[in-house]
């Protein structure tokens, strides 16, 4: 353990963690930061100031905001690089861990310029099979119809393919030479990088399920489940005529399945008139998507809650089932949190979801992008509540066995210890 390592006896060890979202970092890594602080590390976080800094600062973490809202904003990314570079050169940290795909290369370069002994990167997805280009509906709707927007998208996607893949192959290979440990979070990505030979085997690690989930926080209520569910729905202020409730937790954007979410809400309303949805957006919610969700809420079909502050065990206890329309790059924290509370998920089949869900046993997986089939499967499961309960219980057992946050943190702390120990001995 890192507490017993040769270097944990020293006074202060600056460690820098770079990510896209401070709220996400606070939710995922607070326990790890506490253990590192107890071992003598001084923790610094560089991320967007989107609501997580207060919680981190209360924990003693030093925070600095960087502009990472849009990957297409080159000026902001350049500004982020100079901030990251300045912090690295000032602190000369012994450990840097990068959690953001869009910040991985610039942060790795900055860390190498500062001669950081131990450099880690965690990538939850890889852009080797290009996701479709999605144009923003709001501005485009001023000059053309929705059909015109989609036609333009199809023309763009027809020419985006191999050139992008070749560029990204080279980029991932370059990143693999810069870091000491390259961590992926799915078995699919682990085998993919092995087969392509992009990362040296000695540097490649897999942490299935990413950081896992805090099973002590997300624990199903004891006693009668129906009574507990009713109390949870009353606490959320859900309409009493909602007999069943479906949940969605995560980013709401076209890239992450917002179109399919809206289509499914409307389709199931016709066949399940007493069904309601609780949607908890995480990350930046564009104005166009916010308007779409508010229109559904005004009809009484949807209840919107804060995706960071309100998604506790009580939130998931109110659900019958979770829905996940996400793509390869969509975070799966909500699936794990729901599973820890004994709530199964019907999801698109992506590398991340199939690492978590055993289809037919702990939930259901549907071909990615096949919204009509996912709607049909979700409808069928809502008509079989006992089957949902059984799948939820099995998912809870699977999460407790394989995806506990303590186990994930143990793995990473041991890797930090091994790399730092070797580097400091040889330096």
Protein backbone atom coordinates (compact mmCIF):
# COMPACT_ATOMS: atom_id res chain seq x y z
CA UNK A 1 0.00 0.00 0.00
CA UNK A 2 1.12 3.53 -0.63
CA UNK A 3 1.01 4.33 3.09
CA UNK A 4 3.87 1.88 3.64
CA UNK A 5 6.01 2.94 0.69
CA UNK A 6 9.52 4.27 1.02
CA UNK A 7 8.51 7.76 -0.10
CA UNK A 8 5.39 8.22 2.05
CA UNK A 9 7.62 9.19 4.99
CA UNK A 10 8.62 12.45 3.31
CA UNK A 11 6.83 15.66 4.20
CA UNK A 12 4.97 16.86 1.09
CA UNK A 13 4.52 15.38 -2.38
CA UNK A 14 2.68 17.62 -4.85
CA UNK A 15 0.26 15.61 -6.99
CA UNK A 16 -1.73 17.18 -9.84
CA UNK A 17 -4.97 15.78 -11.26
CA UNK A 18 -6.26 17.22 -14.53
CA UNK A 19 -9.83 16.71 -15.71
CA UNK A 20 -12.67 18.23 -17.68
CA UNK A 21 -15.17 18.68 -14.84
CA UNK A 22 -14.49 19.61 -11.22
CA UNK A 23 -17.94 18.26 -10.27
CA UNK A 24 -17.10 14.90 -11.83
CA UNK A 25 -13.68 14.81 -10.14
CA UNK A 26 -15.21 15.61 -6.74
CA UNK A 27 -17.82 12.88 -7.16
CA UNK A 28 -15.39 10.24 -8.36
CA UNK A 29 -12.08 10.85 -6.62
CA UNK A 30 -12.70 12.40 -3.20
CA UNK A 31 -11.96 9.15 -1.38
CA UNK A 32 -8.74 8.63 -3.33
CA UNK A 33 -7.61 12.18 -2.58
CA UNK A 34 -8.18 11.63 1.13
CA UNK A 35 -6.04 8.52 1.12
CA UNK A 36 -3.29 10.29 -0.80
CA UNK A 37 -3.40 13.26 1.57
CA UNK A 38 -3.09 10.89 4.53
CA UNK A 39 0.02 9.46 2.84
CA UNK A 40 1.65 12.90 2.63
CA UNK A 41 0.57 14.17 -0.79
CA UNK A 42 -0.57 17.72 -1.47
CA UNK A 43 -3.44 17.44 -3.94
CA UNK A 44 -4.01 19.95 -6.76
CA UNK A 45 -6.92 19.77 -9.22
CA UNK A 46 -7.04 21.55 -12.58
CA UNK A 47 -10.51 21.43 -14.16
CA UNK A 48 -13.48 23.50 -15.25
CA UNK A 49 -15.20 25.31 -12.40
CA UNK A 50 -18.59 23.66 -12.84
CA UNK A 51 -19.60 23.17 -9.22
CA UNK A 52 -17.05 20.80 -7.71
CA UNK A 53 -14.43 23.15 -6.31
CA UNK A 54 -16.25 23.94 -3.06
CA UNK A 55 -16.44 20.28 -2.07
CA UNK A 56 -12.81 19.72 -3.03
CA UNK A 57 -11.56 22.76 -1.12
CA UNK A 58 -13.40 21.63 2.01
CA UNK A 59 -11.33 18.48 1.68
CA UNK A 60 -8.10 20.49 1.56
CA UNK A 61 -7.58 20.15 -2.20
CA UNK A 62 -6.07 23.14 -4.00
CA UNK A 63 -8.06 23.97 -7.14
CA UNK A 64 -7.44 26.01 -10.26
CA UNK A 65 -9.94 26.56 -13.05
CA UNK A 66 -9.02 25.91 -16.67
CA UNK A 67 -11.17 26.67 -19.77
CA UNK A 68 -12.23 23.30 -21.18
CA UNK A 69 -15.91 23.84 -22.02
CA UNK A 70 -15.62 23.13 -25.74
CA UNK A 71 -13.07 20.96 -27.57
CA UNK A 72 -13.64 23.09 -30.68
CA UNK A 73 -12.48 26.28 -28.94
CA UNK A 74 -8.80 26.31 -29.89
CA UNK A 75 -8.12 29.54 -28.00
CA UNK A 76 -9.56 28.08 -24.78
CA UNK A 77 -7.50 24.90 -25.15
CA UNK A 78 -4.39 26.98 -25.72
CA UNK A 79 -5.21 28.95 -22.58
CA UNK A 80 -5.72 25.69 -20.69
CA UNK A 81 -2.30 24.52 -21.84
CA UNK A 82 -0.52 27.61 -20.53
CA UNK A 83 -2.30 27.30 -17.18
CA UNK A 84 -1.42 23.61 -16.88
CA UNK A 85 2.17 24.26 -17.96
CA UNK A 86 2.55 27.09 -15.44
CA UNK A 87 1.24 24.96 -12.57
CA UNK A 88 3.50 22.05 -13.51
CA UNK A 89 6.62 24.22 -13.69
CA UNK A 90 5.78 25.97 -10.42
CA UNK A 91 4.92 22.87 -8.38
CA UNK A 92 7.23 20.29 -10.00
CA UNK A 93 4.80 17.54 -8.91
CA UNK A 94 5.94 13.98 -8.36
CA UNK A 95 2.65 12.59 -9.70
CA UNK A 96 0.27 13.73 -12.44
CA UNK A 97 -2.90 11.90 -13.43
CA UNK A 98 -4.94 13.08 -16.43
CA UNK A 99 -8.60 12.07 -16.63
CA UNK A 100 -9.75 14.07 -19.65
CA UNK A 101 -9.63 12.88 -23.25
CA UNK A 102 -9.57 16.40 -24.68
CA UNK A 103 -6.79 17.49 -22.28
CA UNK A 104 -4.67 14.34 -22.44
CA UNK A 105 -2.09 15.38 -25.01
CA UNK A 106 -1.51 18.96 -23.91
CA UNK A 107 -1.33 17.94 -20.23
CA UNK A 108 1.07 15.09 -20.97
CA UNK A 109 3.33 17.45 -22.91
CA UNK A 110 3.23 19.99 -20.07
CA UNK A 111 4.06 17.29 -17.53
CA UNK A 112 7.05 16.09 -19.54
CA UNK A 113 8.33 19.65 -19.83
CA UNK A 114 8.23 19.80 -16.02
CA UNK A 115 10.02 16.41 -15.76
CA UNK A 116 7.25 14.80 -13.72
CA UNK A 117 8.47 11.41 -12.41
CA UNK A 118 5.12 9.59 -12.59
CA UNK A 119 2.63 10.43 -15.34
CA UNK A 120 -0.70 8.60 -15.66
CA UNK A 121 -3.58 9.00 -18.10
CA UNK A 122 -7.02 7.38 -17.93
CA UNK A 123 -9.06 7.29 -21.14
CA UNK A 124 -12.63 6.01 -20.98
CA UNK A 125 -13.05 5.80 -24.75
CA UNK A 126 -11.05 6.04 -27.99
CA UNK A 127 -12.05 7.85 -31.15
CA UNK A 128 -10.98 5.15 -33.57
CA UNK A 129 -14.42 4.51 -34.98
CA UNK A 130 -15.61 8.05 -35.51
CA UNK A 131 -18.90 8.94 -33.89
CA UNK A 132 -21.31 10.73 -36.22
CA UNK A 133 -21.00 14.49 -36.51
CA UNK A 134 -23.98 16.26 -34.90
CA UNK A 135 -24.74 19.85 -35.85
CA UNK A 136 -26.34 22.07 -33.17
CA UNK A 137 -30.09 22.13 -33.75
CA UNK A 138 -30.67 25.57 -32.23
CA UNK A 139 -28.61 27.85 -34.54
CA UNK A 140 -29.11 25.64 -37.61
CA UNK A 141 -32.88 25.72 -37.20
CA UNK A 142 -32.80 29.43 -38.02
CA UNK A 143 -31.71 28.75 -41.60
CA UNK A 144 -33.03 25.27 -42.41
CA UNK A 145 -35.40 22.53 -41.26
CA UNK A 146 -34.48 19.58 -39.02
CA UNK A 147 -34.44 17.42 -42.16
CA UNK A 148 -31.96 19.83 -43.73
CA UNK A 149 -29.73 19.63 -40.67
CA UNK A 150 -29.72 15.84 -40.79
CA UNK A 151 -29.00 15.83 -44.53
CA UNK A 152 -26.00 18.08 -43.91
CA UNK A 153 -24.84 15.73 -41.15
CA UNK A 154 -25.06 12.75 -43.49
CA UNK A 155 -22.95 14.51 -46.13
CA UNK A 156 -20.30 15.38 -43.53
CA UNK A 157 -20.27 11.87 -42.08
CA UNK A 158 -19.89 10.38 -45.56
CA UNK A 159 -16.42 11.93 -45.89
CA UNK A 160 -15.24 11.57 -42.28
CA UNK A 161 -13.72 8.17 -41.66
CA UNK A 162 -10.33 6.70 -42.47
CA UNK A 163 -8.36 9.99 -42.42
CA UNK A 164 -9.65 10.71 -38.91
CA UNK A 165 -8.87 7.17 -37.77
CA UNK A 166 -5.31 7.39 -39.07
CA UNK A 167 -4.70 10.68 -37.27
CA UNK A 168 -6.10 9.33 -33.99
CA UNK A 169 -4.07 6.12 -34.23
CA UNK A 170 -0.93 8.22 -34.42
CA UNK A 171 -2.13 10.45 -31.58
CA UNK A 172 -2.85 7.55 -29.21
CA UNK A 173 0.46 5.92 -30.08
CA UNK A 174 2.27 9.17 -29.29
CA UNK A 175 0.41 9.54 -26.00
CA UNK A 176 1.36 5.97 -25.08
CA UNK A 177 5.05 6.87 -25.35
CA UNK A 178 4.66 9.93 -23.11
CA UNK A 179 3.01 8.36 -20.05
CA UNK A 180 4.18 5.84 -17.48
CA UNK A 181 0.78 4.16 -17.24
CA UNK A 182 -2.00 4.27 -19.82
CA UNK A 183 -5.23 3.18 -18.11
CA UNK A 184 -8.36 2.12 -19.99
CA UNK A 185 -11.71 1.30 -18.42
CA UNK A 186 -13.12 -1.43 -20.67
CA UNK A 187 -11.88 -4.84 -21.74
CA UNK A 188 -12.72 -3.88 -25.33
CA UNK A 189 -10.30 -0.93 -25.32
CA UNK A 190 -7.65 -3.02 -23.57
CA UNK A 191 -7.76 -5.70 -26.28
CA UNK A 192 -8.03 -3.06 -29.03
CA UNK A 193 -4.86 -1.25 -27.96
CA UNK A 194 -3.08 -4.57 -27.52
CA UNK A 195 -4.07 -5.76 -31.00
CA UNK A 196 -3.07 -2.46 -32.61
CA UNK A 197 0.19 -2.30 -30.67
CA UNK A 198 -0.36 1.36 -29.80
CA UNK A 199 0.79 1.15 -26.17
CA UNK A 200 3.66 -0.90 -24.77
CA UNK A 201 2.32 -3.83 -22.69
CA UNK A 202 4.34 -2.67 -19.67
CA UNK A 203 2.47 0.65 -19.67
CA UNK A 204 -1.06 -0.52 -20.45
CA UNK A 205 -3.47 -1.13 -17.56
CA UNK A 206 -7.19 -1.86 -17.40
CA UNK A 207 -9.58 -0.79 -14.64
CA UNK A 208 -12.94 -2.20 -15.73
CA UNK A 209 -15.73 0.08 -14.60
CA UNK A 210 -13.39 3.05 -14.16
CA UNK A 211 -13.47 4.35 -10.60
CA UNK A 212 -16.37 2.08 -9.65
CA UNK A 213 -19.04 3.26 -7.24
CA UNK A 214 -19.31 3.99 -3.53
CA UNK A 215 -21.59 1.12 -2.51
CA UNK A 216 -21.96 2.50 1.02
CA UNK A 217 -23.50 5.71 -0.34
CA UNK A 218 -25.68 4.04 -2.96
CA UNK A 219 -27.33 1.36 -0.90
CA UNK A 220 -30.91 0.14 -1.38
CA UNK A 221 -33.31 0.90 1.43
CA UNK A 222 -33.97 -1.90 3.87
CA UNK A 223 -37.43 -3.27 4.51
CA UNK A 224 -40.37 -3.29 2.13
CA UNK A 225 -39.20 -2.14 -1.32
CA UNK A 226 -42.59 -0.80 -2.39
CA UNK A 227 -42.85 1.40 0.69
CA UNK A 228 -39.27 2.61 0.25
CA UNK A 229 -39.95 3.46 -3.39
CA UNK A 230 -43.08 5.37 -2.48
CA UNK A 231 -41.21 7.38 0.17
CA UNK A 232 -38.45 8.17 -2.33
CA UNK A 233 -40.96 9.40 -4.90
CA UNK A 234 -42.65 11.60 -2.32
CA UNK A 235 -39.26 13.05 -1.35
CA UNK A 236 -38.61 13.94 -5.01
CA UNK A 237 -42.08 15.45 -5.32
CA UNK A 238 -43.11 13.17 -8.19
CA UNK A 239 -46.75 13.18 -9.32
CA UNK A 240 -48.86 10.60 -7.52
CA UNK A 241 -50.37 9.33 -10.79
CA UNK A 242 -46.96 8.11 -11.99
CA UNK A 243 -47.20 4.39 -11.33
CA UNK A 244 -43.79 3.63 -12.84
CA UNK A 245 -40.69 5.79 -13.20
CA UNK A 246 -37.75 5.58 -15.60
CA UNK A 247 -34.52 7.43 -14.86
CA UNK A 248 -31.80 9.03 -16.97
CA UNK A 249 -28.56 10.32 -15.43
CA UNK A 250 -25.74 11.80 -17.48
CA UNK A 251 -24.98 14.35 -20.19
CA UNK A 252 -27.91 15.43 -22.33
CA UNK A 253 -26.70 16.24 -25.83
CA UNK A 254 -27.23 14.88 -29.32
CA UNK A 255 -23.84 13.21 -29.11
CA UNK A 256 -24.96 11.36 -25.98
CA UNK A 257 -28.35 10.23 -27.24
CA UNK A 258 -30.65 13.15 -26.44
CA UNK A 259 -32.67 12.67 -29.64
CA UNK A 260 -33.33 9.03 -28.76
CA UNK A 261 -34.21 9.98 -25.19
CA UNK A 262 -36.88 12.44 -26.33
CA UNK A 263 -38.25 10.01 -28.93
CA UNK A 264 -38.53 7.24 -26.33
CA UNK A 265 -40.27 9.48 -23.79
CA UNK A 266 -42.89 10.34 -26.41
CA UNK A 267 -43.28 6.76 -27.68
CA UNK A 268 -43.73 5.21 -24.24
CA UNK A 269 -46.21 7.89 -23.26
CA UNK A 270 -48.60 6.46 -25.84
CA UNK A 271 -48.36 2.90 -24.49
CA UNK A 272 -47.74 3.66 -20.79
CA UNK A 273 -49.82 6.76 -19.93
CA UNK A 274 -49.05 6.48 -16.20
CA UNK A 275 -45.28 6.37 -16.80
CA UNK A 276 -43.02 9.24 -15.74
CA UNK A 277 -39.36 10.07 -16.27
CA UNK A 278 -36.85 11.64 -13.90
CA UNK A 279 -34.01 13.17 -15.90
CA UNK A 280 -30.85 14.33 -14.12
CA UNK A 281 -28.53 16.13 -16.58
CA UNK A 282 -24.82 16.16 -15.78
CA UNK A 283 -22.40 18.50 -17.47
CA UNK A 284 -23.26 21.52 -19.58
CA UNK A 285 -26.85 21.57 -20.85
CA UNK A 286 -27.19 23.52 -24.10
CA UNK A 287 -30.09 25.95 -24.43
CA UNK A 288 -31.70 23.91 -27.21
CA UNK A 289 -31.70 20.71 -25.15
CA UNK A 290 -32.93 22.57 -22.07
CA UNK A 291 -35.93 23.87 -24.05
CA UNK A 292 -36.77 20.37 -25.31
CA UNK A 293 -36.70 18.96 -21.78
CA UNK A 294 -38.74 21.84 -20.37
CA UNK A 295 -41.43 21.23 -22.99
CA UNK A 296 -41.67 17.60 -21.87
CA UNK A 297 -41.74 18.73 -18.24
CA UNK A 298 -44.53 21.22 -18.99
CA UNK A 299 -46.61 18.33 -20.34
CA UNK A 300 -46.15 16.48 -17.06
CA UNK A 301 -44.16 13.65 -18.61
CA UNK A 302 -40.75 14.47 -17.16
CA UNK A 303 -39.31 15.81 -13.90
CA UNK A 304 -35.90 17.51 -14.12
CA UNK A 305 -33.49 17.34 -11.17
CA UNK A 306 -29.91 18.48 -10.65
CA UNK A 307 -27.58 15.78 -11.94
CA UNK A 308 -24.90 16.29 -9.28
CA UNK A 309 -26.70 17.38 -6.11
CA UNK A 310 -29.85 15.24 -6.32
CA UNK A 311 -28.66 11.85 -7.56
CA UNK A 312 -28.27 10.13 -4.21
CA UNK A 313 -29.56 6.73 -3.11
CA UNK A 314 -32.99 8.23 -2.51
CA UNK A 315 -33.12 9.34 -6.15
CA UNK A 316 -32.39 5.87 -7.53
CA UNK A 317 -34.74 4.24 -5.03
CA UNK A 318 -37.61 6.07 -6.75
CA UNK A 319 -36.91 4.37 -10.10
CA UNK A 320 -38.20 1.14 -11.57
CA UNK A 321 -35.50 1.07 -14.25
CA UNK A 322 -32.76 3.21 -15.77
CA UNK A 323 -32.44 3.99 -19.48
CA UNK A 324 -29.10 4.71 -21.15
CA UNK A 325 -29.00 5.93 -24.75
CA UNK A 326 -25.34 6.89 -24.55
CA UNK A 327 -22.65 6.35 -27.15
CA UNK A 328 -19.12 5.02 -26.68
CA UNK A 329 -17.97 8.27 -25.06
CA UNK A 330 -20.90 8.61 -22.61
CA UNK A 331 -19.93 8.26 -18.91
CA UNK A 332 -21.56 5.27 -17.22
CA UNK A 333 -21.52 6.54 -13.62
CA UNK A 334 -25.33 6.57 -13.49
CA UNK A 335 -25.52 2.91 -14.53
CA UNK A 336 -23.18 1.94 -11.67
CA UNK A 337 -24.96 4.13 -9.13
CA UNK A 338 -28.35 2.72 -10.11
CA UNK A 339 -26.98 -0.82 -10.01
CA UNK A 340 -25.59 -0.28 -6.51
CA UNK A 341 -29.14 0.68 -5.48
CA UNK A 342 -30.60 -2.44 -7.07
CA UNK A 343 -32.01 -0.71 -10.17
CA UNK A 344 -31.32 -2.38 -13.56
CA UNK A 345 -30.59 -0.51 -16.78
CA UNK A 346 -31.76 -0.92 -20.37
CA UNK A 347 -28.90 0.48 -22.44
CA UNK A 348 -27.28 0.69 -25.82
CA UNK A 349 -24.55 -1.90 -26.24
CA UNK A 350 -21.25 0.00 -26.01
CA UNK A 351 -17.85 -1.14 -24.70
CA UNK A 352 -18.59 0.53 -21.36
CA UNK A 353 -22.12 -0.80 -20.83
CA UNK A 354 -21.28 -4.38 -21.80
CA UNK A 355 -18.44 -4.31 -19.27
CA UNK A 356 -21.06 -3.67 -16.59
CA UNK A 357 -24.31 -5.29 -17.73
CA UNK A 358 -24.91 -8.97 -18.41
CA UNK A 359 -27.77 -8.72 -20.88
CA UNK A 360 -30.80 -10.72 -19.82
CA UNK A 361 -29.48 -11.15 -16.28
CA UNK A 362 -28.52 -7.80 -14.72
CA UNK A 363 -30.17 -5.58 -17.34
CA UNK A 364 -30.67 -5.41 -21.09
CA UNK A 365 -28.38 -4.36 -23.94
CA UNK A 366 -29.64 -3.22 -27.35
CA UNK A 367 -27.72 -2.51 -30.54
CA UNK A 368 -26.32 1.02 -30.29
CA UNK A 369 -28.54 3.52 -32.09
CA UNK A 370 -31.53 1.16 -32.42
CA UNK A 371 -33.97 3.41 -30.58
CA UNK A 372 -37.17 1.56 -31.61
CA UNK A 373 -35.85 -1.73 -30.23
CA UNK A 374 -34.67 -0.13 -27.00
CA UNK A 375 -38.12 1.43 -26.61
CA UNK A 376 -39.75 -1.97 -27.16
CA UNK A 377 -37.47 -3.71 -24.66
CA UNK A 378 -38.04 -0.98 -22.09
CA UNK A 379 -41.80 -1.27 -22.61
CA UNK A 380 -41.70 -5.05 -22.17
CA UNK A 381 -39.65 -4.78 -18.97
CA UNK A 382 -42.05 -2.22 -17.51
CA UNK A 383 -44.80 -4.79 -18.00
CA UNK A 384 -42.76 -7.32 -16.00
CA UNK A 385 -41.93 -5.57 -12.69
CA UNK A 386 -40.88 -8.80 -10.95
CA UNK A 387 -38.32 -9.42 -13.69
CA UNK A 388 -36.96 -5.90 -13.15
CA UNK A 389 -36.66 -6.54 -9.42
CA UNK A 390 -34.74 -9.74 -10.05
CA UNK A 391 -32.38 -8.05 -12.50
CA UNK A 392 -31.85 -5.20 -10.06
CA UNK A 393 -30.89 -7.59 -7.26
CA UNK A 394 -28.40 -9.36 -9.54
CA UNK A 395 -26.95 -6.04 -10.68
CA UNK A 396 -26.49 -4.97 -7.07
CA UNK A 397 -24.60 -8.20 -6.38
CA UNK A 398 -22.44 -7.72 -9.48
CA UNK A 399 -21.57 -4.14 -8.54
CA UNK A 400 -20.63 -5.13 -4.99
CA UNK A 401 -18.43 -7.94 -6.30
CA UNK A 402 -16.62 -6.24 -9.18
CA UNK A 403 -17.08 -2.47 -9.13
CA UNK A 404 -16.50 -1.20 -5.60
CA UNK A 405 -14.73 2.16 -5.48
CA UNK A 406 -12.41 0.99 -2.71
CA UNK A 407 -11.09 -1.76 -4.97
CA UNK A 408 -10.53 0.66 -7.85
CA UNK A 409 -8.69 3.09 -5.59
CA UNK A 410 -6.56 0.26 -4.17
CA UNK A 411 -5.50 -0.68 -7.70
CA UNK A 412 -4.53 2.87 -8.63
CA UNK A 413 -2.71 3.59 -5.36
CA UNK A 414 -0.64 0.47 -5.87
CA UNK A 415 0.22 1.62 -9.39
CA UNK A 416 1.18 5.08 -8.13
CA UNK A 417 3.36 3.44 -5.50
CA UNK A 418 5.06 1.09 -7.95
CA UNK A 419 5.88 3.77 -10.54
CA UNK A 420 6.98 6.40 -8.03
CA UNK A 421 9.04 3.91 -6.06
CA UNK A 422 10.91 2.80 -9.18
CA UNK A 423 11.41 6.35 -10.46
CA UNK A 424 12.66 7.77 -7.15
CA UNK A 425 15.04 4.87 -6.58
CA UNK A 426 16.64 5.32 -10.01
CA UNK A 427 16.73 9.13 -9.94
